[in-house]
Amino acid sequence: GYFVDTPSATTLVNDTDFYTWQSSRRLVRDV
């Protein structure tokens, strides 16, 4: 995959559930 070097957001995932990558400046900038 060809993608940028810096993540737009990260989140810690554990067991079965819903997980949300919270808003960040980079996520907003992407959109």
Full PDB file with SEQRES, HELIX, SHEET, SSBOND, CRYST1, ORIGX, SCALE, CONECT and MASTER records, all heavy atoms in Angstrom:
SEQRES   1 A   31  GLY TYR PHE VAL ASP THR PRO SER ALA THR THR LEU VAL          
SEQRES   2 A   31  ASN ASP THR ASP PHE TYR THR TRP GLN SER SER ARG ARG          
SEQRES   3 A   31  LEU VAL ARG ASP VAL                                          
HELIX    1 AA1 ARG A   25  ASP A   30  1                                   6    
CRYST1    1.000    1.000    1.000  90.00  90.00  90.00 P 1           1          
ORIGX1      1.000000  0.000000  0.000000        0.00000                         
ORIGX2      0.000000  1.000000  0.000000        0.00000                         
ORIGX3      0.000000  0.000000  1.000000        0.00000                         
SCALE1      1.000000  0.000000  0.000000        0.00000                         
SCALE2      0.000000  1.000000  0.000000        0.00000                         
SCALE3      0.000000  0.000000  1.000000        0.00000                         
ATOM      1  N   GLY A   1       0.818  -1.212   0.000  1.00  0.00           N  
ATOM      2  CA  GLY A   1       0.000   0.000   0.000  1.00  0.00           C  
ATOM      3  C   GLY A   1       0.851   1.260   0.000  1.00  0.00           C  
ATOM      4  O   GLY A   1       1.896   1.309   0.637  1.00  0.00           O  
ATOM      5  N   TYR A   2       0.380   2.264  -0.705  1.00  0.00           N  
ATOM      6  CA  TYR A   2       1.112   3.534  -0.823  1.00  0.00           C  
ATOM      7  C   TYR A   2       0.382   4.571   0.014  1.00  0.00           C  
ATOM      8  O   TYR A   2      -0.712   5.019  -0.337  1.00  0.00           O  
ATOM      9  CB  TYR A   2       1.156   3.940  -2.295  1.00  0.00           C  
ATOM     10  CG  TYR A   2       2.008   5.148  -2.598  1.00  0.00           C  
ATOM     11  CD1 TYR A   2       3.208   5.381  -1.941  1.00  0.00           C  
ATOM     12  CD2 TYR A   2       1.603   6.057  -3.575  1.00  0.00           C  
ATOM     13  CE1 TYR A   2       3.990   6.485  -2.237  1.00  0.00           C  
ATOM     14  CE2 TYR A   2       2.373   7.166  -3.890  1.00  0.00           C  
ATOM     15  CZ  TYR A   2       3.572   7.376  -3.217  1.00  0.00           C  
ATOM     16  OH  TYR A   2       4.334   8.475  -3.519  1.00  0.00           O  
ATOM     17  N   PHE A   3       0.984   4.964   1.137  1.00  0.00           N  
ATOM     18  CA  PHE A   3       0.313   5.878   2.059  1.00  0.00           C  
ATOM     19  C   PHE A   3       1.323   6.800   2.721  1.00  0.00           C  
ATOM     20  O   PHE A   3       2.537   6.573   2.664  1.00  0.00           O  
ATOM     21  CB  PHE A   3      -0.489   5.099   3.109  1.00  0.00           C  
ATOM     22  CG  PHE A   3       0.288   4.007   3.823  1.00  0.00           C  
ATOM     23  CD1 PHE A   3       0.939   4.260   5.024  1.00  0.00           C  
ATOM     24  CD2 PHE A   3       0.350   2.722   3.301  1.00  0.00           C  
ATOM     25  CE1 PHE A   3       1.647   3.266   5.686  1.00  0.00           C  
ATOM     26  CE2 PHE A   3       1.049   1.704   3.950  1.00  0.00           C  
ATOM     27  CZ  PHE A   3       1.698   1.973   5.142  1.00  0.00           C  
ATOM     28  N   VAL A   4       0.821   7.856   3.347  1.00  0.00           N  
ATOM     29  CA  VAL A   4       1.690   8.846   3.981  1.00  0.00           C  
ATOM     30  C   VAL A   4       2.408   8.236   5.186  1.00  0.00           C  
ATOM     31  O   VAL A   4       2.012   7.181   5.696  1.00  0.00           O  
ATOM     32  CB  VAL A   4       0.888  10.094   4.419  1.00  0.00           C  
ATOM     33  CG1 VAL A   4       0.229  10.761   3.214  1.00  0.00           C  
ATOM     34  CG2 VAL A   4      -0.151   9.733   5.462  1.00  0.00           C  
ATOM     35  N   ASP A   5       3.467   8.905   5.635  1.00  0.00           N  
ATOM     36  CA  ASP A   5       4.294   8.366   6.716  1.00  0.00           C  
ATOM     37  C   ASP A   5       3.711   8.597   8.110  1.00  0.00           C  
ATOM     38  O   ASP A   5       3.999   7.838   9.038  1.00  0.00           O  
ATOM     39  CB  ASP A   5       5.690   8.996   6.676  1.00  0.00           C  
ATOM     40  CG  ASP A   5       6.442   8.635   5.410  1.00  0.00           C  
ATOM     41  OD1 ASP A   5       6.186   7.536   4.877  1.00  0.00           O  
ATOM     42  OD2 ASP A   5       7.272   9.448   4.956  1.00  0.00           O  
ATOM     43  N   THR A   6       2.915   9.649   8.257  1.00  0.00           N  
ATOM     44  CA  THR A   6       2.408  10.021   9.579  1.00  0.00           C  
ATOM     45  C   THR A   6       0.950   9.618   9.733  1.00  0.00           C  
ATOM     46  O   THR A   6       0.129   9.926   8.870  1.00  0.00           O  
ATOM     47  CB  THR A   6       2.539  11.542   9.797  1.00  0.00           C  
ATOM     48  OG1 THR A   6       3.903  11.931   9.597  1.00  0.00           O  
ATOM     49  CG2 THR A   6       2.114  11.926  11.204  1.00  0.00           C  
ATOM     50  N   PRO A   7       0.597   8.937  10.822  1.00  0.00           N  
ATOM     51  CA  PRO A   7      -0.804   8.528  10.997  1.00  0.00           C  
ATOM     52  C   PRO A   7      -1.716   9.722  11.229  1.00  0.00           C  
ATOM     53  O   PRO A   7      -1.322  10.715  11.835  1.00  0.00           O  
ATOM     54  CB  PRO A   7      -0.759   7.619  12.228  1.00  0.00           C  
ATOM     55  CG  PRO A   7       0.460   8.047  12.982  1.00  0.00           C  
ATOM     56  CD  PRO A   7       1.456   8.478  11.945  1.00  0.00           C  
ATOM     57  N   SER A   8      -2.937   9.602  10.741  1.00  0.00           N  
ATOM     58  CA  SER A   8      -3.944  10.635  10.982  1.00  0.00           C  
ATOM     59  C   SER A   8      -4.584  10.469  12.351  1.00  0.00           C  
ATOM     60  O   SER A   8      -5.066  11.434  12.942  1.00  0.00           O  
ATOM     61  CB  SER A   8      -5.024  10.595   9.894  1.00  0.00           C  
ATOM     62  OG  SER A   8      -4.477  10.914   8.634  1.00  0.00           O  
ATOM     63  N   ALA A   9      -4.619   9.229  12.846  1.00  0.00           N  
ATOM     64  CA  ALA A   9      -5.179   8.945  14.169  1.00  0.00           C  
ATOM     65  C   ALA A   9      -4.764   7.530  14.565  1.00  0.00           C  
ATOM     66  O   ALA A   9      -4.464   6.693  13.704  1.00  0.00           O  
ATOM     67  CB  ALA A   9      -6.700   9.061  14.161  1.00  0.00           C  
ATOM     68  N   THR A  10      -4.749   7.264  15.857  1.00  0.00           N  
ATOM     69  CA  THR A  10      -4.475   5.920  16.363  1.00  0.00           C  
ATOM     70  C   THR A  10      -5.447   5.620  17.502  1.00  0.00           C  
ATOM     71  O   THR A  10      -5.966   6.530  18.152  1.00  0.00           O  
ATOM     72  CB  THR A  10      -3.034   5.787  16.902  1.00  0.00           C  
ATOM     73  OG1 THR A  10      -2.837   6.728  17.965  1.00  0.00           O  
ATOM     74  CG2 THR A  10      -2.024   6.048  15.807  1.00  0.00           C  
ATOM     75  N   THR A  11      -5.684   4.339  17.729  1.00  0.00           N  
ATOM     76  CA  THR A  11      -6.485   3.952  18.881  1.00  0.00           C  
ATOM     77  C   THR A  11      -6.029   2.579  19.360  1.00  0.00           C  
ATOM     78  O   THR A  11      -5.499   1.779  18.588  1.00  0.00           O  
ATOM     79  CB  THR A  11      -7.989   3.948  18.557  1.00  0.00           C  
ATOM     80  OG1 THR A  11      -8.749   3.924  19.760  1.00  0.00           O  
ATOM     81  CG2 THR A  11      -8.383   2.743  17.722  1.00  0.00           C  
ATOM     82  N   LEU A  12      -6.245   2.317  20.633  1.00  0.00           N  
ATOM     83  CA  LEU A  12      -5.876   1.040  21.231  1.00  0.00           C  
ATOM     84  C   LEU A  12      -7.077   0.110  21.181  1.00  0.00           C  
ATOM     85  O   LEU A  12      -8.162   0.451  21.650  1.00  0.00           O  
ATOM     86  CB  LEU A  12      -5.417   1.235  22.677  1.00  0.00           C  
ATOM     87  CG  LEU A  12      -4.836  -0.010  23.368  1.00  0.00           C  
ATOM     88  CD1 LEU A  12      -3.520  -0.406  22.705  1.00  0.00           C  
ATOM     89  CD2 LEU A  12      -4.620   0.264  24.858  1.00  0.00           C  
ATOM     90  N   VAL A  13      -6.882  -1.057  20.602  1.00  0.00           N  
ATOM     91  CA  VAL A  13      -7.955  -2.030  20.413  1.00  0.00           C  
ATOM     92  C   VAL A  13      -7.696  -3.239  21.296  1.00  0.00           C  
ATOM     93  O   VAL A  13      -6.580  -3.765  21.331  1.00  0.00           O  
ATOM     94  CB  VAL A  13      -8.027  -2.447  18.931  1.00  0.00           C  
ATOM     95  CG1 VAL A  13      -9.043  -3.551  18.734  1.00  0.00           C  
ATOM     96  CG2 VAL A  13      -8.374  -1.244  18.068  1.00  0.00           C  
ATOM     97  N   ASN A  14      -8.722  -3.684  21.993  1.00  0.00           N  
ATOM     98  CA  ASN A  14      -8.591  -4.849  22.860  1.00  0.00           C  
ATOM     99  C   ASN A  14      -9.484  -5.984  22.359  1.00  0.00           C  
ATOM    100  O   ASN A  14      -9.243  -6.560  21.325  1.00  0.00           O  
ATOM    101  CB  ASN A  14      -8.953  -4.478  24.302  1.00  0.00           C  
ATOM    102  CG  ASN A  14      -7.981  -3.487  24.892  1.00  0.00           C  
ATOM    103  OD1 ASN A  14      -6.830  -3.812  25.139  1.00  0.00           O  
ATOM    104  ND2 ASN A  14      -8.440  -2.267  25.128  1.00  0.00           N  
ATOM    105  N   ASP A  15     -10.540  -6.271  23.123  1.00  0.00           N  
ATOM    106  CA  ASP A  15     -11.445  -7.368  22.793  1.00  0.00           C  
ATOM    107  C   ASP A  15     -12.657  -6.861  22.022  1.00  0.00           C  
ATOM    108  O   ASP A  15     -12.790  -5.658  21.763  1.00  0.00           O  
ATOM    109  CB  ASP A  15     -11.870  -8.072  24.083  1.00  0.00           C  
ATOM    110  CG  ASP A  15     -12.242  -9.532  23.864  1.00  0.00           C  
ATOM    111  OD1 ASP A  15     -12.326  -9.948  22.693  1.00  0.00           O  
ATOM    112  OD2 ASP A  15     -12.446 -10.240  24.857  1.00  0.00           O  
ATOM    113  N   THR A  16     -13.550  -7.756  21.686  1.00  0.00           N  
ATOM    114  CA  THR A  16     -14.723  -7.447  20.866  1.00  0.00           C  
ATOM    115  C   THR A  16     -15.507  -6.246  21.387  1.00  0.00           C  
ATOM    116  O   THR A  16     -15.916  -6.215  22.544  1.00  0.00           O  
ATOM    117  CB  THR A  16     -15.663  -8.665  20.816  1.00  0.00           C  
ATOM    118  OG1 THR A  16     -14.919  -9.798  20.382  1.00  0.00           O  
ATOM    119  CG2 THR A  16     -16.827  -8.418  19.879  1.00  0.00           C  
ATOM    120  N   ASP A  17     -15.711  -5.262  20.503  1.00  0.00           N  
ATOM    121  CA  ASP A  17     -16.434  -4.043  20.882  1.00  0.00           C  
ATOM    122  C   ASP A  17     -16.398  -3.088  19.698  1.00  0.00           C  
ATOM    123  O   ASP A  17     -15.771  -3.358  18.677  1.00  0.00           O  
ATOM    124  CB  ASP A  17     -15.785  -3.393  22.110  1.00  0.00           C  
ATOM    125  CG  ASP A  17     -16.766  -2.527  22.893  1.00  0.00           C  
ATOM    126  OD1 ASP A  17     -17.843  -2.216  22.358  1.00  0.00           O  
ATOM    127  OD2 ASP A  17     -16.447  -2.157  24.041  1.00  0.00           O  
ATOM    128  N   PHE A  18     -17.060  -1.940  19.861  1.00  0.00           N  
ATOM    129  CA  PHE A  18     -16.929  -0.845  18.910  1.00  0.00           C  
ATOM    130  C   PHE A  18     -15.711  -0.009  19.314  1.00  0.00           C  
ATOM    131  O   PHE A  18     -15.501   0.262  20.504  1.00  0.00           O  
ATOM    132  CB  PHE A  18     -18.179   0.046  18.916  1.00  0.00           C  
ATOM    133  CG  PHE A  18     -19.374  -0.591  18.266  1.00  0.00           C  
ATOM    134  CD1 PHE A  18     -20.313  -1.280  19.021  1.00  0.00           C  
ATOM    135  CD2 PHE A  18     -19.558  -0.503  16.893  1.00  0.00           C  
ATOM    136  CE1 PHE A  18     -21.414  -1.864  18.425  1.00  0.00           C  
ATOM    137  CE2 PHE A  18     -20.658  -1.077  16.288  1.00  0.00           C  
ATOM    138  CZ  PHE A  18     -21.590  -1.761  17.051  1.00  0.00           C  
ATOM    139  N   TYR A  19     -14.940   0.418  18.315  1.00  0.00           N  
ATOM    140  CA  TYR A  19     -13.790   1.264  18.581  1.00  0.00           C  
ATOM    141  C   TYR A  19     -13.833   2.484  17.671  1.00  0.00           C  
ATOM    142  O   TYR A  19     -14.151   2.364  16.479  1.00  0.00           O  
ATOM    143  CB  TYR A  19     -12.485   0.495  18.366  1.00  0.00           C  
ATOM    144  CG  TYR A  19     -12.271  -0.563  19.433  1.00  0.00           C  
ATOM    145  CD1 TYR A  19     -12.737  -1.860  19.252  1.00  0.00           C  
ATOM    146  CD2 TYR A  19     -11.647  -0.241  20.636  1.00  0.00           C  
ATOM    147  CE1 TYR A  19     -12.573  -2.826  20.237  1.00  0.00           C  
ATOM    148  CE2 TYR A  19     -11.473  -1.203  21.628  1.00  0.00           C  
ATOM    149  CZ  TYR A  19     -11.940  -2.487  21.423  1.00  0.00           C  
ATOM    150  OH  TYR A  19     -11.783  -3.435  22.404  1.00  0.00           O  
ATOM    151  N   THR A  20     -13.527   3.629  18.257  1.00  0.00           N  
ATOM    152  CA  THR A  20     -13.592   4.882  17.511  1.00  0.00           C  
ATOM    153  C   THR A  20     -12.237   5.569  17.511  1.00  0.00           C  
ATOM    154  O   THR A  20     -11.638   5.777  18.571  1.00  0.00           O  
ATOM    155  CB  THR A  20     -14.652   5.829  18.105  1.00  0.00           C  
ATOM    156  OG1 THR A  20     -15.942   5.220  17.980  1.00  0.00           O  
ATOM    157  CG2 THR A  20     -14.657   7.170  17.381  1.00  0.00           C  
ATOM    158  N   TRP A  21     -11.773   5.907  16.310  1.00  0.00           N  
ATOM    159  CA  TRP A  21     -10.587   6.743  16.167  1.00  0.00           C  
ATOM    160  C   TRP A  21     -11.063   8.179  16.349  1.00  0.00           C  
ATOM    161  O   TRP A  21     -11.828   8.709  15.543  1.00  0.00           O  
ATOM    162  CB  TRP A  21      -9.957   6.541  14.793  1.00  0.00           C  
ATOM    163  CG  TRP A  21      -9.178   5.254  14.704  1.00  0.00           C  
ATOM    164  CD1 TRP A  21      -7.820   5.121  14.728  1.00  0.00           C  
ATOM    165  CD2 TRP A  21      -9.700   3.923  14.580  1.00  0.00           C  
ATOM    166  NE1 TRP A  21      -7.466   3.795  14.639  1.00  0.00           N  
ATOM    167  CE2 TRP A  21      -8.611   3.027  14.547  1.00  0.00           C  
ATOM    168  CE3 TRP A  21     -10.997   3.399  14.503  1.00  0.00           C  
ATOM    169  CZ2 TRP A  21      -8.760   1.659  14.442  1.00  0.00           C  
ATOM    170  CZ3 TRP A  21     -11.164   2.029  14.397  1.00  0.00           C  
ATOM    171  CH2 TRP A  21     -10.053   1.172  14.374  1.00  0.00           C  
ATOM    172  N   GLN A  22     -10.609   8.785  17.439  1.00  0.00           N  
ATOM    173  CA  GLN A  22     -11.104  10.108  17.807  1.00  0.00           C  
ATOM    174  C   GLN A  22     -10.593  11.191  16.857  1.00  0.00           C  
ATOM    175  O   GLN A  22      -9.539  11.046  16.229  1.00  0.00           O  
ATOM    176  CB  GLN A  22     -10.692  10.438  19.240  1.00  0.00           C  
ATOM    177  CG  GLN A  22     -11.273   9.501  20.290  1.00  0.00           C  
ATOM    178  CD  GLN A  22     -12.789   9.584  20.367  1.00  0.00           C  
ATOM    179  OE1 GLN A  22     -13.367  10.662  20.205  1.00  0.00           O  
ATOM    180  NE2 GLN A  22     -13.429   8.452  20.634  1.00  0.00           N  
ATOM    181  N   SER A  23     -11.357  12.251  16.785  1.00  0.00           N  
ATOM    182  CA  SER A  23     -11.025  13.352  15.898  1.00  0.00           C  
ATOM    183  C   SER A  23      -9.643  13.918  16.225  1.00  0.00           C  
ATOM    184  O   SER A  23      -9.261  14.046  17.385  1.00  0.00           O  
ATOM    185  CB  SER A  23     -12.076  14.454  16.006  1.00  0.00           C  
ATOM    186  OG  SER A  23     -11.860  15.440  15.019  1.00  0.00           O  
ATOM    187  N   SER A  24      -8.915  14.220  15.179  1.00  0.00           N  
ATOM    188  CA  SER A  24      -7.593  14.833  15.314  1.00  0.00           C  
ATOM    189  C   SER A  24      -7.446  15.882  14.220  1.00  0.00           C  
ATOM    190  O   SER A  24      -8.230  15.915  13.259  1.00  0.00           O  
ATOM    191  CB  SER A  24      -6.488  13.777  15.177  1.00  0.00           C  
ATOM    192  OG  SER A  24      -6.449  13.293  13.838  1.00  0.00           O  
ATOM    193  N   ARG A  25      -6.429  16.706  14.335  1.00  0.00           N  
ATOM    194  CA  ARG A  25      -6.224  17.720  13.306  1.00  0.00           C  
ATOM    195  C   ARG A  25      -5.976  17.080  11.945  1.00  0.00           C  
ATOM    196  O   ARG A  25      -6.436  17.575  10.913  1.00  0.00           O  
ATOM    197  CB  ARG A  25      -5.053  18.626  13.686  1.00  0.00           C  
ATOM    198  CG  ARG A  25      -5.405  19.675  14.739  1.00  0.00           C  
ATOM    199  CD  ARG A  25      -4.256  20.613  15.004  1.00  0.00           C  
ATOM    200  NE  ARG A  25      -3.145  19.935  15.658  1.00  0.00           N  
ATOM    201  CZ  ARG A  25      -1.991  20.524  15.993  1.00  0.00           C  
ATOM    202  NH1 ARG A  25      -1.814  21.807  15.738  1.00  0.00           N  
ATOM    203  NH2 ARG A  25      -1.041  19.843  16.584  1.00  0.00           N  
ATOM    204  N   ARG A  26      -5.255  15.962  11.945  1.00  0.00           N  
ATOM    205  CA  ARG A  26      -4.959  15.302  10.677  1.00  0.00           C  
ATOM    206  C   ARG A  26      -6.193  14.648  10.071  1.00  0.00           C  
ATOM    207  O   ARG A  26      -6.391  14.700   8.849  1.00  0.00           O  
ATOM    208  CB  ARG A  26      -3.841  14.273  10.862  1.00  0.00           C  
ATOM    209  CG  ARG A  26      -2.474  14.913  11.016  1.00  0.00           C  
ATOM    210  CD  ARG A  26      -1.366  13.880  11.064  1.00  0.00           C  
ATOM    211  NE  ARG A  26      -0.072  14.518  11.104  1.00  0.00           N  
ATOM    212  CZ  ARG A  26       0.607  14.916  10.034  1.00  0.00           C  
ATOM    213  NH1 ARG A  26       0.103  14.716   8.825  1.00  0.00           N  
ATOM    214  NH2 ARG A  26       1.787  15.502  10.153  1.00  0.00           N  
ATOM    215  N   LEU A  27      -7.024  14.037  10.910  1.00  0.00           N  
ATOM    216  CA  LEU A  27      -8.268  13.455  10.384  1.00  0.00           C  
ATOM    217  C   LEU A  27      -9.138  14.532   9.763  1.00  0.00           C  
ATOM    218  O   LEU A  27      -9.686  14.363   8.665  1.00  0.00           O  
ATOM    219  CB  LEU A  27      -9.037  12.749  11.498  1.00  0.00           C  
ATOM    220  CG  LEU A  27      -8.728  11.282  11.791  1.00  0.00           C  
ATOM    221  CD1 LEU A  27      -9.668  10.764  12.866  1.00  0.00           C  
ATOM    222  CD2 LEU A  27      -8.839  10.433  10.540  1.00  0.00           C  
ATOM    223  N   VAL A  28      -9.287  15.640  10.464  1.00  0.00           N  
ATOM    224  CA  VAL A  28     -10.096  16.751   9.950  1.00  0.00           C  
ATOM    225  C   VAL A  28      -9.489  17.291   8.661  1.00  0.00           C  
ATOM    226  O   VAL A  28     -10.195  17.563   7.681  1.00  0.00           O  
ATOM    227  CB  VAL A  28     -10.222  17.861  11.006  1.00  0.00           C  
ATOM    228  CG1 VAL A  28     -10.863  19.107  10.402  1.00  0.00           C  
ATOM    229  CG2 VAL A  28     -11.043  17.373  12.194  1.00  0.00           C  
ATOM    230  N   ARG A  29      -8.169  17.417   8.649  1.00  0.00           N  
ATOM    231  CA  ARG A  29      -7.488  17.924   7.453  1.00  0.00           C  
ATOM    232  C   ARG A  29      -7.700  16.985   6.269  1.00  0.00           C  
ATOM    233  O   ARG A  29      -7.927  17.435   5.138  1.00  0.00           O  
ATOM    234  CB  ARG A  29      -5.992  18.061   7.742  1.00  0.00           C  
ATOM    235  CG  ARG A  29      -5.211  18.817   6.672  1.00  0.00           C  
ATOM    236  CD  ARG A  29      -3.737  18.842   7.019  1.00  0.00           C  
ATOM    237  NE  ARG A  29      -3.530  19.298   8.391  1.00  0.00           N  
ATOM    238  CZ  ARG A  29      -2.401  19.083   9.075  1.00  0.00           C  
ATOM    239  NH1 ARG A  29      -1.423  18.393   8.531  1.00  0.00           N  
ATOM    240  NH2 ARG A  29      -2.286  19.550  10.299  1.00  0.00           N  
ATOM    241  N   ASP A  30      -7.636  15.680   6.519  1.00  0.00           N  
ATOM    242  CA  ASP A  30      -7.885  14.711   5.444  1.00  0.00           C  
ATOM    243  C   ASP A  30      -9.255  14.933   4.820  1.00  0.00           C  
ATOM    244  O   ASP A  30      -9.392  15.042   3.592  1.00  0.00           O  
ATOM    245  CB  ASP A  30      -7.809  13.281   5.987  1.00  0.00           C  
ATOM    246  CG  ASP A  30      -6.402  12.862   6.386  1.00  0.00           C  
ATOM    247  OD1 ASP A  30      -5.442  13.563   6.027  1.00  0.00           O  
ATOM    248  OD2 ASP A  30      -6.287  11.824   7.073  1.00  0.00           O  
ATOM    249  N   VAL A  31     -10.277  14.982   5.670  1.00  0.00           N  
ATOM    250  CA  VAL A  31     -11.645  15.096   5.168  1.00  0.00           C  
ATOM    251  C   VAL A  31     -11.874  16.432   4.479  1.00  0.00           C  
ATOM    252  O   VAL A  31     -12.517  16.508   3.418  1.00  0.00           O  
ATOM    253  CB  VAL A  31     -12.662  14.873   6.306  1.00  0.00           C  
ATOM    254  CG1 VAL A  31     -14.073  15.200   5.840  1.00  0.00           C  
ATOM    255  CG2 VAL A  31     -12.589  13.424   6.795  1.00  0.00           C  
TER     256      VAL A  31                                                      
MASTER        0    0    0    1    0    0    0    6  255    1    0    3          
END                                                                             
